[in-house]
């Protein structure tokens, strides 16, 4: 299992557009990827669940990848967060 924490810098947080891109990116991997905020964890491939977390600018989330390609998945997701959120 690989995980990292990231503090959201996008001024509107995880809203529809970046949540859609995030879900699409997460679907590229065999590993189960989850995003957690305030003890609530959701599958990163589920758009509506991601938006339901209510992640705002300044919130810190924990992203976890677990599975056969977890190292590649975690690295790619961390890069995605830095570039898009």
PDB file of N, CA and C in Angstrom:
ATOM      1  N   UNK A   1       0.850  -1.183   0.000  1.00  0.00           N
ATOM      2  CA  UNK A   1       0.000   0.000   0.000  1.00  0.00           C
ATOM      3  C   UNK A   1       0.890   1.239   0.000  1.00  0.00           C
ATOM      4  N   UNK A   2       0.598   2.164  -0.874  1.00  0.00           N
ATOM      5  CA  UNK A   2       1.319   3.431  -0.967  1.00  0.00           C
ATOM      6  C   UNK A   2       0.327   4.561  -0.752  1.00  0.00           C
ATOM      7  N   UNK A   3       0.739   5.568  -0.002  1.00  0.00           N
ATOM      8  CA  UNK A   3      -0.155   6.708   0.198  1.00  0.00           C
ATOM      9  C   UNK A   3       0.654   7.987   0.324  1.00  0.00           C
ATOM     10  N   UNK A   4      -0.036   9.104   0.106  1.00  0.00           N
ATOM     11  CA  UNK A   4       0.574  10.418   0.279  1.00  0.00           C
ATOM     12  C   UNK A   4      -0.514  11.404   0.696  1.00  0.00           C
ATOM     13  N   UNK A   5      -0.092  12.468   1.338  1.00  0.00           N
ATOM     14  CA  UNK A   5      -1.015  13.539   1.724  1.00  0.00           C
ATOM     15  C   UNK A   5      -0.791  14.711   0.783  1.00  0.00           C
ATOM     16  N   UNK A   6      -1.868  15.412   0.472  1.00  0.00           N
ATOM     17  CA  UNK A   6      -1.761  16.572  -0.408  1.00  0.00           C
ATOM     18  C   UNK A   6      -2.731  17.645   0.064  1.00  0.00           C
ATOM     19  N   UNK A   7      -2.242  18.871   0.141  1.00  0.00           N
ATOM     20  CA  UNK A   7      -3.097  19.996   0.501  1.00  0.00           C
ATOM     21  C   UNK A   7      -3.552  20.670  -0.787  1.00  0.00           C
ATOM     22  N   UNK A   8      -4.857  20.762  -0.955  1.00  0.00           N
ATOM     23  CA  UNK A   8      -5.462  21.300  -2.177  1.00  0.00           C
ATOM     24  C   UNK A   8      -5.149  22.790  -2.308  1.00  0.00           C
ATOM     25  N   UNK A   9      -4.634  23.179  -3.484  1.00  0.00           N
ATOM     26  CA  UNK A   9      -4.322  24.587  -3.738  1.00  0.00           C
ATOM     27  C   UNK A   9      -5.274  25.223  -4.746  1.00  0.00           C
ATOM     28  N   UNK A  10      -6.052  24.405  -5.452  1.00  0.00           N
ATOM     29  CA  UNK A  10      -7.051  24.932  -6.390  1.00  0.00           C
ATOM     30  C   UNK A  10      -8.071  25.735  -5.587  1.00  0.00           C
ATOM     31  N   UNK A  11      -8.334  26.958  -6.010  1.00  0.00           N
ATOM     32  CA  UNK A  11      -9.178  27.841  -5.202  1.00  0.00           C
ATOM     33  C   UNK A  11     -10.620  27.382  -5.031  1.00  0.00           C
ATOM     34  N   UNK A  12     -11.094  26.487  -5.889  1.00  0.00           N
ATOM     35  CA  UNK A  12     -12.454  25.973  -5.709  1.00  0.00           C
ATOM     36  C   UNK A  12     -12.485  24.517  -5.259  1.00  0.00           C
ATOM     37  N   UNK A  13     -11.317  23.938  -4.979  1.00  0.00           N
ATOM     38  CA  UNK A  13     -11.263  22.578  -4.460  1.00  0.00           C
ATOM     39  C   UNK A  13     -11.530  21.533  -5.530  1.00  0.00           C
ATOM     40  N   UNK A  14     -12.017  20.367  -5.089  1.00  0.00           N
ATOM     41  CA  UNK A  14     -12.336  19.288  -6.040  1.00  0.00           C
ATOM     42  C   UNK A  14     -13.787  19.460  -6.487  1.00  0.00           C
ATOM     43  N   UNK A  15     -13.955  20.144  -7.609  1.00  0.00           N
ATOM     44  CA  UNK A  15     -15.289  20.347  -8.181  1.00  0.00           C
ATOM     45  C   UNK A  15     -15.417  19.458  -9.415  1.00  0.00           C
ATOM     46  N   UNK A  16     -16.459  19.619 -10.193  1.00  0.00           N
ATOM     47  CA  UNK A  16     -16.801  18.683 -11.273  1.00  0.00           C
ATOM     48  C   UNK A  16     -15.670  18.403 -12.261  1.00  0.00           C
ATOM     49  N   UNK A  17     -15.057  19.438 -12.814  1.00  0.00           N
ATOM     50  CA  UNK A  17     -14.032  19.209 -13.844  1.00  0.00           C
ATOM     51  C   UNK A  17     -12.837  18.424 -13.311  1.00  0.00           C
ATOM     52  N   UNK A  18     -12.168  18.894 -12.244  1.00  0.00           N
ATOM     53  CA  UNK A  18     -11.021  18.104 -11.774  1.00  0.00           C
ATOM     54  C   UNK A  18     -11.411  16.744 -11.196  1.00  0.00           C
ATOM     55  N   UNK A  19     -12.605  16.639 -10.633  1.00  0.00           N
ATOM     56  CA  UNK A  19     -13.055  15.336 -10.111  1.00  0.00           C
ATOM     57  C   UNK A  19     -13.222  14.352 -11.258  1.00  0.00           C
ATOM     58  N   UNK A  20     -13.736  14.817 -12.387  1.00  0.00           N
ATOM     59  CA  UNK A  20     -13.887  13.967 -13.564  1.00  0.00           C
ATOM     60  C   UNK A  20     -12.541  13.512 -14.103  1.00  0.00           C
ATOM     61  N   UNK A  21     -11.585  14.440 -14.154  1.00  0.00           N
ATOM     62  CA  UNK A  21     -10.241  14.104 -14.611  1.00  0.00           C
ATOM     63  C   UNK A  21      -9.559  13.136 -13.650  1.00  0.00           C
ATOM     64  N   UNK A  22      -9.768  13.357 -12.363  1.00  0.00           N
ATOM     65  CA  UNK A  22      -9.183  12.488 -11.341  1.00  0.00           C
ATOM     66  C   UNK A  22      -9.741  11.073 -11.450  1.00  0.00           C
ATOM     67  N   UNK A  23     -11.050  10.949 -11.615  1.00  0.00           N
ATOM     68  CA  UNK A  23     -11.680   9.631 -11.752  1.00  0.00           C
ATOM     69  C   UNK A  23     -11.161   8.919 -13.006  1.00  0.00           C
ATOM     70  N   UNK A  24     -11.030   9.666 -14.097  1.00  0.00           N
ATOM     71  CA  UNK A  24     -10.527   9.089 -15.345  1.00  0.00           C
ATOM     72  C   UNK A  24      -9.091   8.595 -15.167  1.00  0.00           C
ATOM     73  N   UNK A  25      -8.257   9.387 -14.492  1.00  0.00           N
ATOM     74  CA  UNK A  25      -6.865   9.000 -14.249  1.00  0.00           C
ATOM     75  C   UNK A  25      -6.797   7.755 -13.368  1.00  0.00           C
ATOM     76  N   UNK A  26      -7.620   7.707 -12.331  1.00  0.00           N
ATOM     77  CA  UNK A  26      -7.610   6.573 -11.400  1.00  0.00           C
ATOM     78  C   UNK A  26      -8.006   5.269 -12.102  1.00  0.00           C
ATOM     79  N   UNK A  27      -8.856   5.363 -13.122  1.00  0.00           N
ATOM     80  CA  UNK A  27      -9.307   4.178 -13.850  1.00  0.00           C
ATOM     81  C   UNK A  27      -8.209   3.564 -14.717  1.00  0.00           C
ATOM     82  N   UNK A  28      -7.098   4.284 -14.896  1.00  0.00           N
ATOM     83  CA  UNK A  28      -5.994   3.776 -15.710  1.00  0.00           C
ATOM     84  C   UNK A  28      -5.209   2.673 -14.999  1.00  0.00           C
ATOM     85  N   UNK A  29      -5.434   2.494 -13.702  1.00  0.00           N
ATOM     86  CA  UNK A  29      -4.628   1.572 -12.908  1.00  0.00           C
ATOM     87  C   UNK A  29      -5.460   0.402 -12.385  1.00  0.00           C
ATOM     88  N   UNK A  30      -4.777  -0.733 -12.173  1.00  0.00           N
ATOM     89  CA  UNK A  30      -5.427  -1.905 -11.598  1.00  0.00           C
ATOM     90  C   UNK A  30      -5.621  -1.750 -10.096  1.00  0.00           C
ATOM     91  N   UNK A  31      -4.767  -0.947  -9.468  1.00  0.00           N
ATOM     92  CA  UNK A  31      -4.838  -0.762  -8.013  1.00  0.00           C
ATOM     93  C   UNK A  31      -6.103  -0.019  -7.612  1.00  0.00           C
ATOM     94  N   UNK A  32      -6.557  -0.316  -6.391  1.00  0.00           N
ATOM     95  CA  UNK A  32      -7.680   0.426  -5.815  1.00  0.00           C
ATOM     96  C   UNK A  32      -7.128   1.739  -5.277  1.00  0.00           C
ATOM     97  N   UNK A  33      -7.661   2.857  -5.765  1.00  0.00           N
ATOM     98  CA  UNK A  33      -7.186   4.174  -5.346  1.00  0.00           C
ATOM     99  C   UNK A  33      -8.307   4.855  -4.572  1.00  0.00           C
ATOM    100  N   UNK A  34      -7.977   5.327  -3.371  1.00  0.00           N
ATOM    101  CA  UNK A  34      -8.968   6.000  -2.538  1.00  0.00           C
ATOM    102  C   UNK A  34      -8.479   7.393  -2.157  1.00  0.00           C
ATOM    103  N   UNK A  35      -9.444   8.273  -1.934  1.00  0.00           N
ATOM    104  CA  UNK A  35      -9.169   9.630  -1.462  1.00  0.00           C
ATOM    105  C   UNK A  35      -9.893   9.774  -0.133  1.00  0.00           C
ATOM    106  N   UNK A  36      -9.179  10.226   0.884  1.00  0.00           N
ATOM    107  CA  UNK A  36      -9.760  10.345   2.218  1.00  0.00           C
ATOM    108  C   UNK A  36      -9.651  11.778   2.728  1.00  0.00           C
ATOM    109  N   UNK A  37     -10.741  12.250   3.333  1.00  0.00           N
ATOM    110  CA  UNK A  37     -10.769  13.564   3.977  1.00  0.00           C
ATOM    111  C   UNK A  37     -11.607  13.443   5.242  1.00  0.00           C
ATOM    112  N   UNK A  38     -11.065  13.910   6.337  1.00  0.00           N
ATOM    113  CA  UNK A  38     -11.774  13.913   7.629  1.00  0.00           C
ATOM    114  C   UNK A  38     -12.344  12.545   7.981  1.00  0.00           C
ATOM    115  N   UNK A  39     -11.581  11.481   7.732  1.00  0.00           N
ATOM    116  CA  UNK A  39     -12.011  10.139   8.101  1.00  0.00           C
ATOM    117  C   UNK A  39     -12.962   9.476   7.133  1.00  0.00           C
ATOM    118  N   UNK A  40     -13.398  10.198   6.105  1.00  0.00           N
ATOM    119  CA  UNK A  40     -14.301   9.623   5.105  1.00  0.00           C
ATOM    120  C   UNK A  40     -13.476   9.292   3.859  1.00  0.00           C
ATOM    121  N   UNK A  41     -13.548   8.025   3.431  1.00  0.00           N
ATOM    122  CA  UNK A  41     -12.751   7.560   2.306  1.00  0.00           C
ATOM    123  C   UNK A  41     -13.659   7.134   1.161  1.00  0.00           C
ATOM    124  N   UNK A  42     -13.295   7.546  -0.071  1.00  0.00           N
ATOM    125  CA  UNK A  42     -14.090   7.169  -1.247  1.00  0.00           C
ATOM    126  C   UNK A  42     -13.189   6.628  -2.349  1.00  0.00           C
ATOM    127  N   UNK A  43     -13.779   5.804  -3.205  1.00  0.00           N
ATOM    128  CA  UNK A  43     -13.091   5.266  -4.363  1.00  0.00           C
ATOM    129  C   UNK A  43     -12.842   6.409  -5.347  1.00  0.00           C
ATOM    130  N   UNK A  44     -11.588   6.576  -5.777  1.00  0.00           N
ATOM    131  CA  UNK A  44     -11.231   7.694  -6.656  1.00  0.00           C
ATOM    132  C   UNK A  44     -11.844   7.592  -8.048  1.00  0.00           C
ATOM    133  N   UNK A  45     -12.377   6.435  -8.416  1.00  0.00           N
ATOM    134  CA  UNK A  45     -12.986   6.304  -9.740  1.00  0.00           C
ATOM    135  C   UNK A  45     -14.458   6.741  -9.741  1.00  0.00           C
ATOM    136  N   UNK A  46     -14.993   7.077  -8.591  1.00  0.00           N
ATOM    137  CA  UNK A  46     -16.411   7.441  -8.480  1.00  0.00           C
ATOM    138  C   UNK A  46     -16.570   8.958  -8.403  1.00  0.00           C
ATOM    139  N   UNK A  47     -16.942   9.558  -9.514  1.00  0.00           N
ATOM    140  CA  UNK A  47     -17.043  11.012  -9.642  1.00  0.00           C
ATOM    141  C   UNK A  47     -17.924  11.652  -8.568  1.00  0.00           C
ATOM    142  N   UNK A  48     -19.130  11.174  -8.409  1.00  0.00           N
ATOM    143  CA  UNK A  48     -20.066  11.798  -7.467  1.00  0.00           C
ATOM    144  C   UNK A  48     -19.591  11.645  -6.018  1.00  0.00           C
ATOM    145  N   UNK A  49     -18.954  10.527  -5.723  1.00  0.00           N
ATOM    146  CA  UNK A  49     -18.454  10.321  -4.360  1.00  0.00           C
ATOM    147  C   UNK A  49     -17.293  11.276  -4.079  1.00  0.00           C
ATOM    148  N   UNK A  50     -16.442  11.505  -5.077  1.00  0.00           N
ATOM    149  CA  UNK A  50     -15.341  12.453  -4.921  1.00  0.00           C
ATOM    150  C   UNK A  50     -15.883  13.851  -4.628  1.00  0.00           C
ATOM    151  N   UNK A  51     -16.872  14.262  -5.393  1.00  0.00           N
ATOM    152  CA  UNK A  51     -17.463  15.582  -5.183  1.00  0.00           C
ATOM    153  C   UNK A  51     -18.169  15.654  -3.831  1.00  0.00           C
ATOM    154  N   UNK A  52     -18.717  14.527  -3.384  1.00  0.00           N
ATOM    155  CA  UNK A  52     -19.411  14.465  -2.108  1.00  0.00           C
ATOM    156  C   UNK A  52     -18.513  14.662  -0.901  1.00  0.00           C
ATOM    157  N   UNK A  53     -17.209  14.512  -1.080  1.00  0.00           N
ATOM    158  CA  UNK A  53     -16.283  14.760   0.024  1.00  0.00           C
ATOM    159  C   UNK A  53     -16.249  16.237   0.416  1.00  0.00           C
ATOM    160  N   UNK A  54     -16.611  17.109  -0.526  1.00  0.00           N
ATOM    161  CA  UNK A  54     -16.630  18.537  -0.230  1.00  0.00           C
ATOM    162  C   UNK A  54     -15.239  19.114   0.020  1.00  0.00           C
ATOM    163  N   UNK A  55     -14.274  18.684  -0.765  1.00  0.00           N
ATOM    164  CA  UNK A  55     -12.898  19.148  -0.571  1.00  0.00           C
ATOM    165  C   UNK A  55     -12.748  20.567  -1.089  1.00  0.00           C
ATOM    166  N   UNK A  56     -12.273  21.454  -0.220  1.00  0.00           N
ATOM    167  CA  UNK A  56     -12.102  22.876  -0.538  1.00  0.00           C
ATOM    168  C   UNK A  56     -10.617  23.224  -0.555  1.00  0.00           C
ATOM    169  N   UNK A  57     -10.308  24.409  -1.034  1.00  0.00           N
ATOM    170  CA  UNK A  57      -8.935  24.904  -1.038  1.00  0.00           C
ATOM    171  C   UNK A  57      -8.421  24.937   0.395  1.00  0.00           C
ATOM    172  N   UNK A  58      -7.217  24.418   0.599  1.00  0.00           N
ATOM    173  CA  UNK A  58      -6.612  24.384   1.927  1.00  0.00           C
ATOM    174  C   UNK A  58      -6.843  23.088   2.679  1.00  0.00           C
ATOM    175  N   UNK A  59      -7.780  22.258   2.203  1.00  0.00           N
ATOM    176  CA  UNK A  59      -8.027  20.956   2.843  1.00  0.00           C
ATOM    177  C   UNK A  59      -6.902  19.991   2.472  1.00  0.00           C
ATOM    178  N   UNK A  60      -6.559  19.123   3.407  1.00  0.00           N
ATOM    179  CA  UNK A  60      -5.558  18.097   3.149  1.00  0.00           C
ATOM    180  C   UNK A  60      -6.251  16.758   2.998  1.00  0.00           C
ATOM    181  N   UNK A  61      -5.929  16.066   1.910  1.00  0.00           N
ATOM    182  CA  UNK A  61      -6.497  14.741   1.647  1.00  0.00           C
ATOM    183  C   UNK A  61      -5.373  13.714   1.669  1.00  0.00           C
ATOM    184  N   UNK A  62      -5.747  12.467   1.936  1.00  0.00           N
ATOM    185  CA  UNK A  62      -4.805  11.354   1.864  1.00  0.00           C
ATOM    186  C   UNK A  62      -5.224  10.474   0.698  1.00  0.00           C
ATOM    187  N   UNK A  63      -4.302  10.225  -0.204  1.00  0.00           N
ATOM    188  CA  UNK A  63      -4.570   9.394  -1.370  1.00  0.00           C
ATOM    189  C   UNK A  63      -3.809   8.080  -1.181  1.00  0.00           C
ATOM    190  N   UNK A  64      -4.526   6.969  -1.330  1.00  0.00           N
ATOM    191  CA  UNK A  64      -3.929   5.650  -1.125  1.00  0.00           C
ATOM    192  C   UNK A  64      -4.138   4.791  -2.359  1.00  0.00           C
ATOM    193  N   UNK A  65      -3.070   4.084  -2.743  1.00  0.00           N
ATOM    194  CA  UNK A  65      -3.154   3.123  -3.847  1.00  0.00           C
ATOM    195  C   UNK A  65      -2.741   1.766  -3.306  1.00  0.00           C
ATOM    196  N   UNK A  66      -3.567   0.750  -3.588  1.00  0.00           N
ATOM    197  CA  UNK A  66      -3.267  -0.591  -3.108  1.00  0.00           C
ATOM    198  C   UNK A  66      -3.579  -1.591  -4.205  1.00  0.00           C
ATOM    199  N   UNK A  67      -2.552  -2.354  -4.607  1.00  0.00           N
ATOM    200  CA  UNK A  67      -2.742  -3.351  -5.653  1.00  0.00           C
ATOM    201  C   UNK A  67      -1.445  -3.646  -6.369  1.00  0.00           C
ATOM    202  N   UNK A  68      -1.563  -4.286  -7.523  1.00  0.00           N
ATOM    203  CA  UNK A  68      -0.387  -4.762  -8.245  1.00  0.00           C
ATOM    204  C   UNK A  68       0.490  -3.648  -8.792  1.00  0.00           C
ATOM    205  N   UNK A  69      -0.103  -2.509  -9.162  1.00  0.00           N
ATOM    206  CA  UNK A  69       0.682  -1.399  -9.719  1.00  0.00           C
ATOM    207  C   UNK A  69       0.640  -0.175  -8.802  1.00  0.00           C
ATOM    208  N   UNK A  70       0.604  -0.417  -7.489  1.00  0.00           N
ATOM    209  CA  UNK A  70       0.413   0.669  -6.528  1.00  0.00           C
ATOM    210  C   UNK A  70       1.507   1.735  -6.574  1.00  0.00           C
ATOM    211  N   UNK A  71       2.766   1.338  -6.814  1.00  0.00           N
ATOM    212  CA  UNK A  71       3.825   2.345  -6.857  1.00  0.00           C
ATOM    213  C   UNK A  71       3.629   3.300  -8.022  1.00  0.00           C
ATOM    214  N   UNK A  72       3.366   2.765  -9.194  1.00  0.00           N
ATOM    215  CA  UNK A  72       3.130   3.594 -10.378  1.00  0.00           C
ATOM    216  C   UNK A  72       1.867   4.427 -10.200  1.00  0.00           C
ATOM    217  N   UNK A  73       0.834   3.819  -9.633  1.00  0.00           N
ATOM    218  CA  UNK A  73      -0.434   4.528  -9.425  1.00  0.00           C
ATOM    219  C   UNK A  73      -0.255   5.690  -8.459  1.00  0.00           C
ATOM    220  N   UNK A  74       0.434   5.455  -7.348  1.00  0.00           N
ATOM    221  CA  UNK A  74       0.642   6.515  -6.352  1.00  0.00           C
ATOM    222  C   UNK A  74       1.461   7.652  -6.942  1.00  0.00           C
ATOM    223  N   UNK A  75       2.509   7.314  -7.683  1.00  0.00           N
ATOM    224  CA  UNK A  75       3.348   8.343  -8.301  1.00  0.00           C
ATOM    225  C   UNK A  75       2.561   9.164  -9.317  1.00  0.00           C
ATOM    226  N   UNK A  76       1.769   8.493 -10.138  1.00  0.00           N
ATOM    227  CA  UNK A  76       0.980   9.190 -11.150  1.00  0.00           C
ATOM    228  C   UNK A  76      -0.100  10.060 -10.503  1.00  0.00           C
ATOM    229  N   UNK A  77      -0.733   9.552  -9.459  1.00  0.00           N
ATOM    230  CA  UNK A  77      -1.773  10.333  -8.784  1.00  0.00           C
ATOM    231  C   UNK A  77      -1.172  11.561  -8.091  1.00  0.00           C
ATOM    232  N   UNK A  78      -0.004  11.392  -7.475  1.00  0.00           N
ATOM    233  CA  UNK A  78       0.645  12.533  -6.824  1.00  0.00           C
ATOM    234  C   UNK A  78       0.984  13.611  -7.855  1.00  0.00           C
ATOM    235  N   UNK A  79       1.481  13.190  -9.003  1.00  0.00           N
ATOM    236  CA  UNK A  79       1.783  14.139 -10.080  1.00  0.00           C
ATOM    237  C   UNK A  79       0.502  14.814 -10.560  1.00  0.00           C
ATOM    238  N   UNK A  80      -0.579  14.053 -10.699  1.00  0.00           N
ATOM    239  CA  UNK A  80      -1.873  14.616 -11.119  1.00  0.00           C
ATOM    240  C   UNK A  80      -2.332  15.684 -10.140  1.00  0.00           C
ATOM    241  N   UNK A  81      -2.268  15.390  -8.843  1.00  0.00           N
ATOM    242  CA  UNK A  81      -2.700  16.357  -7.835  1.00  0.00           C
ATOM    243  C   UNK A  81      -1.870  17.639  -7.915  1.00  0.00           C
ATOM    244  N   UNK A  82      -0.558  17.508  -8.082  1.00  0.00           N
ATOM    245  CA  UNK A  82       0.319  18.688  -8.168  1.00  0.00           C
ATOM    246  C   UNK A  82      -0.005  19.534  -9.386  1.00  0.00           C
ATOM    247  N   UNK A  83      -0.333  18.906 -10.494  1.00  0.00           N
ATOM    248  CA  UNK A  83      -0.605  19.640 -11.735  1.00  0.00           C
ATOM    249  C   UNK A  83      -2.015  20.200 -11.816  1.00  0.00           C
ATOM    250  N   UNK A  84      -2.990  19.556 -11.162  1.00  0.00           N
ATOM    251  CA  UNK A  84      -4.393  19.919 -11.359  1.00  0.00           C
ATOM    252  C   UNK A  84      -5.127  20.420 -10.116  1.00  0.00           C
ATOM    253  N   UNK A  85      -4.615  20.142  -8.938  1.00  0.00           N
ATOM    254  CA  UNK A  85      -5.350  20.509  -7.728  1.00  0.00           C
ATOM    255  C   UNK A  85      -4.472  21.266  -6.762  1.00  0.00           C
TER     256      UNK A  85
END
